[in-house]
N, C-alpha and C. Protein backbone atom coordinates (compact mmCIF):
# COMPACT_ATOMS: atom_id res chain seq x y z
N MET A 1 20.47 -16.20 1.05
CA MET A 1 19.55 -17.23 1.47
C MET A 1 18.38 -17.39 0.95
N PRO A 2 18.48 -18.36 0.90
CA PRO A 2 16.90 -18.87 -0.16
C PRO A 2 15.77 -18.51 0.72
N LEU A 3 14.37 -17.87 -0.04
CA LEU A 3 13.68 -17.62 0.06
C LEU A 3 12.91 -18.29 1.10
N ALA A 4 13.21 -19.81 1.02
CA ALA A 4 12.24 -20.97 1.99
C ALA A 4 12.86 -21.50 3.04
N GLU A 5 14.46 -20.47 3.67
CA GLU A 5 14.31 -20.36 5.12
C GLU A 5 14.32 -19.29 5.22
N ILE A 6 13.19 -18.10 5.13
CA ILE A 6 13.13 -17.12 5.56
C ILE A 6 11.78 -17.29 6.13
N ASP A 7 11.48 -16.64 7.16
CA ASP A 7 10.25 -16.53 8.04
C ASP A 7 8.82 -15.66 7.05
N PHE A 8 8.20 -15.50 6.89
CA PHE A 8 7.40 -14.55 6.17
C PHE A 8 6.13 -14.42 7.34
N VAL A 9 5.18 -13.02 7.51
CA VAL A 9 4.10 -12.49 7.95
C VAL A 9 3.41 -12.55 6.81
N SER A 10 1.92 -12.78 7.50
CA SER A 10 0.65 -12.48 6.05
C SER A 10 0.73 -11.20 6.10
N PRO A 11 0.24 -11.27 4.78
CA PRO A 11 -0.11 -9.96 3.86
C PRO A 11 -1.21 -8.97 4.60
N PRO A 12 -1.52 -8.15 4.94
CA PRO A 12 -1.92 -7.21 5.61
C PRO A 12 -3.75 -7.41 4.77
N ASP A 13 -4.03 -7.40 3.36
CA ASP A 13 -5.19 -7.80 2.90
C ASP A 13 -5.66 -9.02 3.26
N VAL A 14 -4.97 -10.10 3.18
CA VAL A 14 -5.47 -11.40 3.48
C VAL A 14 -5.38 -11.55 5.13
N ILE A 15 -4.91 -11.11 5.91
CA ILE A 15 -5.12 -11.07 7.27
C ILE A 15 -6.27 -10.18 7.69
N GLY A 16 -6.96 -8.80 7.03
CA GLY A 16 -7.61 -8.06 6.83
C GLY A 16 -9.41 -8.62 6.50
N THR A 17 -8.70 -9.63 5.68
CA THR A 17 -10.23 -10.37 5.13
C THR A 17 -10.39 -11.44 6.01
N VAL A 18 -9.35 -12.33 6.53
CA VAL A 18 -9.92 -13.59 7.23
C VAL A 18 -10.31 -12.84 9.00
N THR A 19 -9.92 -11.77 9.12
CA THR A 19 -10.44 -11.31 10.42
C THR A 19 -11.71 -10.62 10.39
N SER A 20 -12.28 -10.04 8.95
CA SER A 20 -13.30 -9.77 8.76
C SER A 20 -14.30 -11.11 8.49
N PHE A 21 -13.80 -11.76 8.09
CA PHE A 21 -14.66 -13.57 7.87
C PHE A 21 -14.91 -14.03 9.35
N PHE A 22 -13.62 -13.89 9.99
CA PHE A 22 -14.18 -14.83 11.37
C PHE A 22 -14.88 -13.71 12.35
N GLY A 23 -15.27 -12.41 12.23
CA GLY A 23 -16.53 -11.63 12.74
C GLY A 23 -15.63 -10.40 13.43
N GLY A 24 -14.32 -10.59 13.11
CA GLY A 24 -13.53 -9.20 13.93
C GLY A 24 -12.26 -10.10 14.83
N LYS A 25 -12.39 -11.15 14.60
CA LYS A 25 -11.24 -11.71 15.64
C LYS A 25 -11.05 -12.98 15.09
N ILE A 26 -9.64 -13.39 15.23
CA ILE A 26 -8.77 -14.65 15.00
C ILE A 26 -8.85 -15.60 15.79
N ASP A 27 -9.00 -16.75 16.63
CA ASP A 27 -9.17 -17.08 18.03
C ASP A 27 -7.39 -17.05 17.91
N LEU A 28 -6.76 -18.23 17.09
CA LEU A 28 -5.70 -18.43 17.43
C LEU A 28 -4.62 -18.79 15.84
N ASP A 29 -3.70 -18.56 16.41
CA ASP A 29 -2.69 -19.05 14.86
C ASP A 29 -1.39 -19.59 15.34
N PRO A 30 -1.49 -21.22 15.31
CA PRO A 30 -0.80 -21.54 15.89
C PRO A 30 0.78 -21.23 15.55
N ALA A 31 0.88 -20.94 14.24
CA ALA A 31 2.05 -20.77 13.59
C ALA A 31 2.77 -19.57 13.62
N SER A 32 2.49 -18.51 14.16
CA SER A 32 2.54 -16.91 14.60
C SER A 32 3.51 -16.64 15.25
N SER A 33 4.19 -15.27 15.39
CA SER A 33 5.46 -15.02 15.87
C SER A 33 5.39 -14.09 16.45
N ASP A 34 6.54 -13.70 17.25
CA ASP A 34 6.18 -12.33 18.37
C ASP A 34 6.27 -11.44 17.60
N HIS A 35 7.05 -11.41 16.29
CA HIS A 35 7.04 -9.99 15.42
C HIS A 35 5.82 -9.62 14.39
N ALA A 36 5.27 -10.83 14.27
CA ALA A 36 4.01 -10.25 13.36
C ALA A 36 2.42 -10.90 14.73
N ASN A 37 2.55 -10.77 15.54
CA ASN A 37 1.40 -11.12 16.58
C ASN A 37 1.34 -10.09 17.47
N THR A 38 0.45 -9.27 16.72
CA THR A 38 -0.17 -8.53 17.42
C THR A 38 -1.70 -7.80 17.60
N ILE A 39 -2.29 -8.96 16.50
CA ILE A 39 -3.95 -9.60 16.70
C ILE A 39 -4.75 -10.73 16.93
N VAL A 40 -3.31 -11.46 16.77
CA VAL A 40 -3.57 -13.03 16.93
C VAL A 40 -3.04 -13.58 18.08
N LYS A 41 -3.73 -15.00 18.86
CA LYS A 41 -2.85 -15.52 19.97
C LYS A 41 -2.41 -16.49 19.04
N HIS A 42 -1.17 -16.66 19.89
CA HIS A 42 -0.55 -18.17 19.28
C HIS A 42 0.37 -19.21 20.01
N GLU A 43 0.58 -19.64 19.99
CA GLU A 43 1.04 -20.80 20.87
C GLU A 43 2.44 -21.13 20.48
N ASP A 44 3.53 -21.54 21.39
CA ASP A 44 4.73 -21.90 21.13
C ASP A 44 4.64 -23.22 20.36
N ASN A 45 5.38 -23.72 19.48
CA ASN A 45 5.47 -25.11 18.81
C ASN A 45 4.26 -25.65 18.71
N GLY A 46 3.23 -24.75 17.81
CA GLY A 46 1.78 -25.28 17.66
C GLY A 46 1.49 -26.66 16.80
N LEU A 47 3.01 -27.38 16.26
CA LEU A 47 2.54 -28.75 15.87
C LEU A 47 2.18 -29.63 16.97
N ILE A 48 2.29 -29.18 17.98
CA ILE A 48 2.07 -30.65 19.36
C ILE A 48 1.15 -29.83 20.19
N GLN A 49 0.97 -28.49 19.94
CA GLN A 49 -0.11 -28.12 20.80
C GLN A 49 -1.58 -28.79 20.49
N GLN A 50 -2.62 -28.47 21.10
CA GLN A 50 -3.99 -28.55 20.67
C GLN A 50 -4.28 -27.20 20.57
N TRP A 51 -5.36 -27.41 19.44
CA TRP A 51 -5.34 -26.06 18.80
C TRP A 51 -7.25 -25.67 19.19
N LYS A 52 -7.28 -25.60 20.52
CA LYS A 52 -8.49 -25.13 20.96
C LYS A 52 -9.26 -24.04 20.73
N ALA A 53 -9.72 -23.95 19.71
CA ALA A 53 -10.15 -22.51 19.20
C ALA A 53 -11.59 -22.59 18.56
N GLN A 54 -12.73 -21.24 18.53
CA GLN A 54 -13.53 -21.33 17.47
C GLN A 54 -12.83 -21.26 15.88
N SER A 55 -11.70 -20.38 15.45
CA SER A 55 -11.39 -19.77 14.80
C SER A 55 -10.11 -19.76 14.34
N VAL A 56 -9.39 -20.69 13.55
CA VAL A 56 -7.84 -20.77 13.36
C VAL A 56 -7.66 -20.31 12.13
N TYR A 57 -6.32 -19.41 12.03
CA TYR A 57 -5.72 -18.67 10.72
C TYR A 57 -4.19 -19.39 10.95
N LEU A 58 -3.69 -19.69 9.92
CA LEU A 58 -2.17 -20.77 9.41
C LEU A 58 -1.99 -20.23 8.27
N TYR A 59 -0.71 -19.30 8.30
CA TYR A 59 0.29 -19.03 7.66
C TYR A 59 1.66 -19.87 7.77
N PRO A 60 1.59 -21.49 7.19
CA PRO A 60 2.88 -22.12 7.56
C PRO A 60 4.50 -21.62 7.44
N PRO A 61 5.10 -21.97 8.01
CA PRO A 61 6.77 -21.41 7.77
C PRO A 61 6.83 -21.85 6.27
N ARG A 62 7.27 -21.70 5.50
CA ARG A 62 8.01 -22.01 3.95
C ARG A 62 9.37 -22.84 4.21
N ASP A 63 9.86 -23.09 5.63
CA ASP A 63 11.12 -23.78 5.41
C ASP A 63 10.45 -25.74 5.46
N VAL A 64 11.49 -26.48 5.45
CA VAL A 64 11.69 -27.81 5.18
C VAL A 64 11.62 -28.56 6.47
N LEU A 65 11.27 -29.22 6.97
CA LEU A 65 11.17 -29.77 8.38
C LEU A 65 12.16 -31.50 8.29
N SER A 66 12.35 -31.51 8.95
CA SER A 66 13.46 -33.17 9.09
C SER A 66 12.41 -34.09 9.69
N SER A 67 12.89 -35.26 9.88
CA SER A 67 11.20 -36.46 10.01
C SER A 67 11.81 -36.31 11.70
N SER A 68 12.51 -35.63 12.27
CA SER A 68 12.24 -35.86 13.60
C SER A 68 11.43 -34.41 14.29
N GLU A 69 11.53 -33.10 13.37
CA GLU A 69 10.70 -32.42 13.68
C GLU A 69 9.10 -32.40 13.45
N GLN A 70 9.35 -33.09 13.09
CA GLN A 70 7.74 -33.33 12.43
C GLN A 70 6.60 -34.30 13.82
N PRO A 71 5.66 -33.86 13.82
CA PRO A 71 4.36 -34.83 14.77
C PRO A 71 5.06 -36.02 14.41
N ARG A 72 4.57 -36.75 15.31
CA ARG A 72 4.55 -38.32 15.26
C ARG A 72 3.38 -38.82 14.47
N GLU A 73 2.00 -38.68 14.56
CA GLU A 73 0.83 -39.28 14.25
C GLU A 73 1.32 -38.47 12.66
N VAL A 74 1.27 -39.11 11.54
CA VAL A 74 0.53 -38.88 10.32
C VAL A 74 -0.38 -39.53 9.73
N LEU A 75 -1.27 -39.00 9.66
CA LEU A 75 -2.85 -39.90 9.27
C LEU A 75 -2.94 -39.41 7.76
N ILE A 76 -2.96 -38.78 7.41
CA ILE A 76 -3.25 -38.03 5.89
C ILE A 76 -2.94 -38.68 4.58
N PHE A 77 -1.44 -38.63 4.71
CA PHE A 77 -1.15 -38.92 3.35
C PHE A 77 -0.85 -40.53 3.64
N ASN A 78 -0.60 -40.50 4.74
CA ASN A 78 -0.39 -42.31 5.00
C ASN A 78 0.97 -43.15 4.65
N ARG A 79 1.98 -42.02 5.25
CA ARG A 79 3.54 -42.84 4.98
C ARG A 79 3.83 -43.36 6.27
N ARG A 80 4.39 -44.53 6.00
CA ARG A 80 4.94 -45.18 7.24
C ARG A 80 6.50 -44.67 7.16
N ARG A 81 7.59 -44.51 6.72
CA ARG A 81 8.24 -43.99 6.19
C ARG A 81 8.79 -42.69 6.37
N ARG A 82 9.54 -41.99 7.85
CA ARG A 82 9.29 -40.73 7.45
C ARG A 82 10.38 -39.69 6.55
N PHE A 83 10.19 -38.75 6.10
CA PHE A 83 11.08 -38.41 5.67
C PHE A 83 10.78 -36.59 5.26
N GLN A 84 12.21 -35.85 5.30
CA GLN A 84 12.41 -34.33 5.35
C GLN A 84 11.21 -33.96 3.86
N LYS A 85 10.40 -33.01 4.63
CA LYS A 85 8.88 -32.43 4.18
C LYS A 85 9.04 -31.32 4.18
N SER A 86 8.66 -30.60 3.18
CA SER A 86 7.83 -29.21 3.24
C SER A 86 6.87 -28.65 4.84
N ALA A 87 7.39 -27.64 5.23
CA ALA A 87 7.28 -27.38 6.29
C ALA A 87 5.32 -27.11 5.94
N GLN A 88 5.18 -26.28 4.94
CA GLN A 88 3.75 -25.85 4.64
C GLN A 88 2.83 -27.04 4.42
N ARG A 89 3.54 -28.02 4.28
CA ARG A 89 3.09 -29.63 4.10
C ARG A 89 2.35 -30.21 5.41
N VAL A 90 3.72 -30.17 6.53
CA VAL A 90 3.13 -30.59 7.56
C VAL A 90 2.36 -29.92 8.68
N TRP A 91 2.16 -28.74 8.09
CA TRP A 91 1.41 -27.86 9.35
C TRP A 91 -0.06 -27.92 8.49
N LEU A 92 0.03 -28.21 6.92
CA LEU A 92 -1.74 -28.33 6.26
C LEU A 92 -2.04 -29.59 7.12
N GLU A 93 -1.65 -31.16 6.71
CA GLU A 93 -1.60 -31.95 7.65
C GLU A 93 -2.08 -32.33 8.86
N GLU A 94 -1.24 -31.54 9.79
CA GLU A 94 -1.62 -31.12 10.90
C GLU A 94 -2.82 -30.79 11.05
N ALA A 95 -3.29 -29.40 10.67
CA ALA A 95 -4.25 -28.96 10.44
C ALA A 95 -5.69 -29.78 10.17
N VAL A 96 -5.49 -30.72 8.76
CA VAL A 96 -6.45 -31.63 8.57
C VAL A 96 -7.09 -32.31 9.44
N LYS A 97 -5.82 -32.90 10.12
CA LYS A 97 -5.70 -34.06 11.15
C LYS A 97 -6.40 -33.14 12.65
N LYS A 98 -6.06 -32.24 12.86
CA LYS A 98 -7.19 -31.70 14.21
C LYS A 98 -8.34 -30.83 13.62
N TYR A 99 -8.58 -30.50 12.25
CA TYR A 99 -10.11 -30.33 12.02
C TYR A 99 -11.08 -31.83 12.28
N THR A 100 -10.28 -32.51 11.60
CA THR A 100 -11.37 -34.01 11.47
C THR A 100 -11.45 -34.50 13.02
N ARG A 101 -10.17 -33.75 13.83
CA ARG A 101 -10.57 -34.31 15.15
C ARG A 101 -11.76 -33.18 15.75
N GLY A 102 -12.18 -32.30 15.39
CA GLY A 102 -12.87 -31.43 16.06
C GLY A 102 -12.38 -30.62 17.34
N GLU A 103 -11.01 -30.43 17.02
CA GLU A 103 -10.35 -29.50 17.81
C GLU A 103 -10.47 -27.87 17.60
N PHE A 104 -11.04 -27.47 16.44
CA PHE A 104 -11.30 -26.07 16.46
C PHE A 104 -12.46 -26.50 14.95
N GLU A 105 -13.48 -25.11 14.93
CA GLU A 105 -14.57 -25.15 14.44
C GLU A 105 -13.96 -24.86 13.07
N GLU A 106 -13.53 -23.78 12.45
CA GLU A 106 -13.30 -23.61 11.03
C GLU A 106 -11.99 -23.06 11.12
N ALA A 107 -11.21 -22.74 9.94
CA ALA A 107 -10.15 -22.46 9.56
C ALA A 107 -9.54 -22.01 8.31
N ILE A 108 -8.72 -21.00 8.35
CA ILE A 108 -8.47 -20.36 6.81
C ILE A 108 -7.18 -20.79 6.93
N ILE A 109 -6.54 -21.17 5.94
CA ILE A 109 -5.20 -21.83 5.68
C ILE A 109 -4.50 -20.84 5.02
N PHE A 110 -3.68 -20.52 4.73
CA PHE A 110 -2.44 -19.37 3.73
C PHE A 110 -1.32 -20.12 3.66
N LEU A 111 -1.85 -20.63 1.92
CA LEU A 111 -0.45 -21.46 1.31
C LEU A 111 0.45 -20.45 0.45
N THR A 112 1.76 -20.75 0.08
CA THR A 112 2.54 -19.82 -1.00
C THR A 112 3.04 -21.02 -1.51
N SER A 113 2.81 -22.14 -0.94
CA SER A 113 3.35 -23.42 -1.90
C SER A 113 2.60 -23.59 -2.90
N THR A 114 2.88 -23.66 -4.28
CA THR A 114 2.04 -23.84 -5.41
C THR A 114 1.85 -25.62 -4.90
N GLN A 115 3.16 -26.47 -4.76
CA GLN A 115 3.06 -27.59 -4.86
C GLN A 115 2.07 -28.39 -3.68
N VAL A 116 2.15 -27.43 -2.80
CA VAL A 116 1.45 -27.88 -1.16
C VAL A 116 0.04 -27.77 -1.38
N ALA A 117 -0.49 -26.61 -2.22
CA ALA A 117 -1.46 -26.39 -2.42
C ALA A 117 -2.51 -27.24 -3.35
N LEU A 118 -1.39 -27.76 -4.60
CA LEU A 118 -2.09 -28.93 -5.19
C LEU A 118 -2.13 -29.91 -4.81
N LEU A 119 -1.16 -30.46 -3.94
CA LEU A 119 -1.13 -31.68 -3.47
C LEU A 119 -2.51 -31.74 -2.24
N VAL A 120 -2.92 -31.07 -1.88
CA VAL A 120 -4.24 -30.83 -1.38
C VAL A 120 -5.46 -31.18 -1.96
N THR A 121 -5.34 -30.45 -3.58
CA THR A 121 -6.80 -30.91 -3.75
C THR A 121 -6.35 -32.31 -4.09
N GLN A 122 -5.41 -32.45 -4.57
CA GLN A 122 -5.62 -34.12 -5.22
C GLN A 122 -5.09 -35.16 -4.31
N LYS A 123 -4.83 -34.95 -3.13
CA LYS A 123 -4.72 -36.28 -2.27
C LYS A 123 -5.09 -36.55 -0.86
N LEU A 124 -6.18 -35.48 -0.42
CA LEU A 124 -7.67 -35.62 0.46
C LEU A 124 -8.60 -36.00 -0.04
N ASN A 125 -8.98 -36.91 0.97
CA ASN A 125 -10.51 -37.68 0.57
C ASN A 125 -11.67 -36.64 -0.03
N PHE A 126 -11.31 -35.48 0.56
CA PHE A 126 -12.75 -34.40 0.35
C PHE A 126 -12.04 -33.15 -0.07
N ASP A 127 -13.05 -32.37 -0.64
CA ASP A 127 -12.62 -30.75 -1.57
C ASP A 127 -12.94 -30.00 -0.41
N PHE A 128 -12.11 -29.22 -0.23
CA PHE A 128 -12.09 -27.72 0.04
C PHE A 128 -12.30 -26.61 -0.55
N PRO A 129 -13.29 -25.59 -0.17
CA PRO A 129 -13.04 -24.32 -1.00
C PRO A 129 -11.97 -23.81 -0.38
N ILE A 130 -11.74 -22.97 -2.28
CA ILE A 130 -10.45 -22.61 -2.15
C ILE A 130 -10.19 -21.12 -2.87
N CYS A 131 -9.33 -20.17 -2.29
CA CYS A 131 -9.26 -19.21 -3.25
C CYS A 131 -7.70 -19.05 -3.52
N ILE A 132 -7.62 -18.74 -4.66
CA ILE A 132 -6.21 -18.76 -5.57
C ILE A 132 -6.37 -16.80 -5.88
N LEU A 133 -5.27 -16.49 -5.59
CA LEU A 133 -5.15 -14.48 -5.02
C LEU A 133 -4.74 -14.83 -6.50
N LYS A 134 -5.37 -13.50 -7.15
CA LYS A 134 -5.20 -12.85 -8.39
C LYS A 134 -3.59 -12.65 -8.60
N GLU A 135 -3.28 -11.35 -7.36
CA GLU A 135 -2.03 -11.53 -7.45
C GLU A 135 -1.44 -11.70 -6.45
N PRO A 136 0.01 -11.92 -6.88
CA PRO A 136 1.33 -12.42 -5.69
C PRO A 136 1.07 -11.66 -4.62
N PRO A 137 1.09 -12.48 -3.54
CA PRO A 137 1.33 -11.92 -2.13
C PRO A 137 2.34 -10.75 -1.73
N GLU A 138 1.94 -9.54 -0.85
CA GLU A 138 2.53 -8.82 -0.05
C GLU A 138 3.45 -9.85 0.41
N LEU A 139 4.40 -10.12 0.47
CA LEU A 139 5.22 -10.72 1.91
C LEU A 139 6.30 -9.68 2.65
N TYR A 140 6.18 -10.27 3.99
CA TYR A 140 6.86 -9.24 4.75
C TYR A 140 7.76 -10.58 6.03
N ILE A 141 9.34 -9.83 5.83
CA ILE A 141 9.71 -11.02 6.96
C ILE A 141 9.62 -10.95 7.95
N ASP A 142 9.78 -11.92 8.62
CA ASP A 142 9.40 -12.07 10.18
C ASP A 142 10.73 -11.23 11.06
N ALA A 143 10.99 -10.40 11.22
CA ALA A 143 11.98 -9.77 11.64
C ALA A 143 11.77 -8.62 12.26
N PRO A 144 12.21 -7.53 12.92
CA PRO A 144 12.06 -6.38 14.34
C PRO A 144 11.50 -5.27 12.63
N GLY A 145 10.83 -4.30 12.77
CA GLY A 145 10.38 -3.56 11.55
C GLY A 145 10.00 -4.40 10.23
N LEU A 146 9.21 -5.64 10.48
CA LEU A 146 8.71 -6.25 9.07
C LEU A 146 9.32 -5.63 7.38
N PRO A 147 10.39 -5.64 7.66
CA PRO A 147 10.53 -5.10 6.28
C PRO A 147 9.89 -6.29 5.13
N LYS A 148 9.54 -5.35 4.10
CA LYS A 148 8.64 -6.20 2.61
C LYS A 148 9.88 -6.76 1.73
N ILE A 149 9.78 -7.98 1.19
CA ILE A 149 10.22 -8.42 0.32
C ILE A 149 9.60 -7.61 -0.88
N LYS A 150 10.47 -6.62 -1.91
CA LYS A 150 9.98 -6.47 -3.03
C LYS A 150 9.47 -6.89 -4.02
N ASN A 151 10.00 -8.27 -4.78
CA ASN A 151 9.21 -9.06 -5.81
C ASN A 151 9.07 -10.39 -5.30
N THR A 152 7.98 -10.66 -5.32
CA THR A 152 7.91 -12.39 -4.53
C THR A 152 6.84 -12.81 -6.49
N ARG A 153 7.36 -13.81 -6.38
CA ARG A 153 6.93 -14.39 -7.74
C ARG A 153 6.08 -15.92 -7.47
N CYS A 154 5.78 -16.23 -6.32
CA CYS A 154 4.86 -17.00 -5.46
C CYS A 154 3.68 -16.68 -5.22
N LEU A 155 2.72 -17.84 -5.38
CA LEU A 155 1.61 -17.84 -5.88
C LEU A 155 0.68 -17.81 -4.09
N GLY A 156 -0.31 -17.29 -4.03
CA GLY A 156 -1.06 -17.68 -2.61
C GLY A 156 -2.23 -18.26 -2.84
N PHE A 157 -2.52 -18.87 -1.85
CA PHE A 157 -4.15 -20.02 -1.68
C PHE A 157 -4.91 -19.65 -0.71
N LEU A 158 -5.66 -19.64 -0.56
CA LEU A 158 -6.43 -19.65 0.91
C LEU A 158 -7.32 -20.98 0.99
N LEU A 159 -7.12 -21.94 1.89
CA LEU A 159 -8.00 -22.57 1.68
C LEU A 159 -9.00 -22.71 3.06
N TYR A 160 -10.26 -22.96 3.03
CA TYR A 160 -11.42 -22.68 3.72
C TYR A 160 -11.34 -24.21 4.19
N LEU A 161 -11.22 -24.62 5.70
CA LEU A 161 -11.83 -25.82 6.41
C LEU A 161 -13.12 -25.22 7.16
N PRO A 162 -14.30 -25.64 6.38
CA PRO A 162 -15.36 -25.41 6.62
C PRO A 162 -16.17 -25.66 8.19
N SER A 163 -16.68 -24.50 8.83
CA SER A 163 -17.83 -24.92 10.04
C SER A 163 -18.83 -26.19 9.70
N SER A 164 -18.92 -26.77 10.47
CA SER A 164 -19.79 -27.65 10.56
C SER A 164 -21.45 -27.05 10.97
N ILE A 165 -21.36 -25.50 11.43
CA ILE A 165 -22.43 -24.80 11.86
C ILE A 165 -22.80 -24.14 10.33
N ASN A 166 -24.16 -24.50 10.31
CA ASN A 166 -24.17 -23.68 8.56
C ASN A 166 -23.23 -23.47 7.41
N THR A 167 -23.00 -24.79 7.58
CA THR A 167 -21.64 -25.28 6.30
C THR A 167 -21.89 -24.20 5.05
N GLU A 168 -22.70 -24.45 4.33
CA GLU A 168 -23.39 -23.95 2.77
C GLU A 168 -23.38 -22.26 3.21
N ASP A 169 -23.89 -21.96 4.33
CA ASP A 169 -23.79 -20.40 4.54
C ASP A 169 -22.23 -19.92 5.04
N ARG A 170 -21.60 -20.22 5.65
CA ARG A 170 -20.11 -20.21 5.73
C ARG A 170 -19.28 -20.41 4.06
N ILE A 171 -19.74 -21.24 3.70
CA ILE A 171 -18.69 -21.39 2.24
C ILE A 171 -19.37 -20.32 1.31
N LEU A 172 -20.64 -19.72 0.92
CA LEU A 172 -21.00 -18.67 0.33
C LEU A 172 -20.40 -17.65 1.38
N ASP A 173 -20.67 -17.42 2.69
CA ASP A 173 -19.49 -15.57 2.98
C ASP A 173 -18.19 -16.08 2.35
N PHE A 174 -17.45 -17.37 2.41
CA PHE A 174 -16.18 -17.47 2.10
C PHE A 174 -16.09 -16.98 0.56
N TYR A 175 -16.84 -17.62 0.05
CA TYR A 175 -16.73 -16.86 -1.25
C TYR A 175 -17.15 -15.34 -1.95
N THR A 176 -18.08 -15.02 -0.59
CA THR A 176 -18.37 -13.55 -1.07
C THR A 176 -17.02 -12.91 -0.40
N LEU A 177 -16.09 -13.22 0.42
CA LEU A 177 -15.82 -12.11 1.00
C LEU A 177 -14.34 -12.50 0.48
N PHE A 178 -14.01 -13.41 -0.54
CA PHE A 178 -12.51 -13.63 -0.44
C PHE A 178 -12.32 -13.61 -2.26
N SER A 179 -13.90 -13.49 -2.83
CA SER A 179 -13.55 -13.49 -4.13
C SER A 179 -13.11 -11.76 -4.68
N PRO A 180 -13.14 -11.21 -3.98
CA PRO A 180 -12.48 -9.25 -4.45
C PRO A 180 -11.16 -10.27 -4.63
N LEU A 181 -10.31 -11.23 -3.79
CA LEU A 181 -8.66 -11.31 -3.51
C LEU A 181 -8.51 -11.76 -4.55
N GLY A 182 -9.12 -13.10 -5.10
CA GLY A 182 -9.02 -14.13 -6.51
C GLY A 182 -10.13 -15.24 -6.77
N ARG A 183 -9.56 -15.64 -7.44
CA ARG A 183 -10.81 -17.16 -7.82
C ARG A 183 -10.97 -17.72 -6.94
N VAL A 184 -12.21 -17.80 -6.63
CA VAL A 184 -12.45 -18.82 -5.49
C VAL A 184 -13.45 -20.49 -5.95
N TYR A 185 -12.80 -21.63 -5.63
CA TYR A 185 -13.87 -22.49 -5.80
C TYR A 185 -14.42 -23.30 -4.82
N TYR A 186 -15.30 -23.62 -4.86
CA TYR A 186 -15.98 -24.30 -3.77
C TYR A 186 -16.67 -25.58 -4.48
């Protein structure tokens, strides 16, 4: 089975740093699962729910979504014709749309798709702070017992959608907390 068809759980070092960054609590993870959901509140089918929360952490699934599985409104990349897309791209588009509408205050998005992470920096009209992990992330399969993947060759990217309150201070906090994990650009 290709890795893209397997759902993963966030690396412990990433989730620990994100939890610390948000003051000890993540309010919402719209793409979490029952196996992974021990400290983060999650919503069923988060793509179609409102994300009313202070802080959001998102690790989108790595599969591919057909056009019928995607939200109807796609505003970020302005495509009229709907086509099969990476789930990480669809979730990222939805997160930015919800952020722009003010459904949540700030978010950390963990991406393992280099193509999606590069699309973000190239296609969106504004830049977000990003941390490129220095080591391949430790990934765990979303199944009972959370078995660890032994060799991952994917890269990890942590994208920060900053708070509108004390924006510069929060971006500096992002830099300070996430620099030990990798290189931070802002």
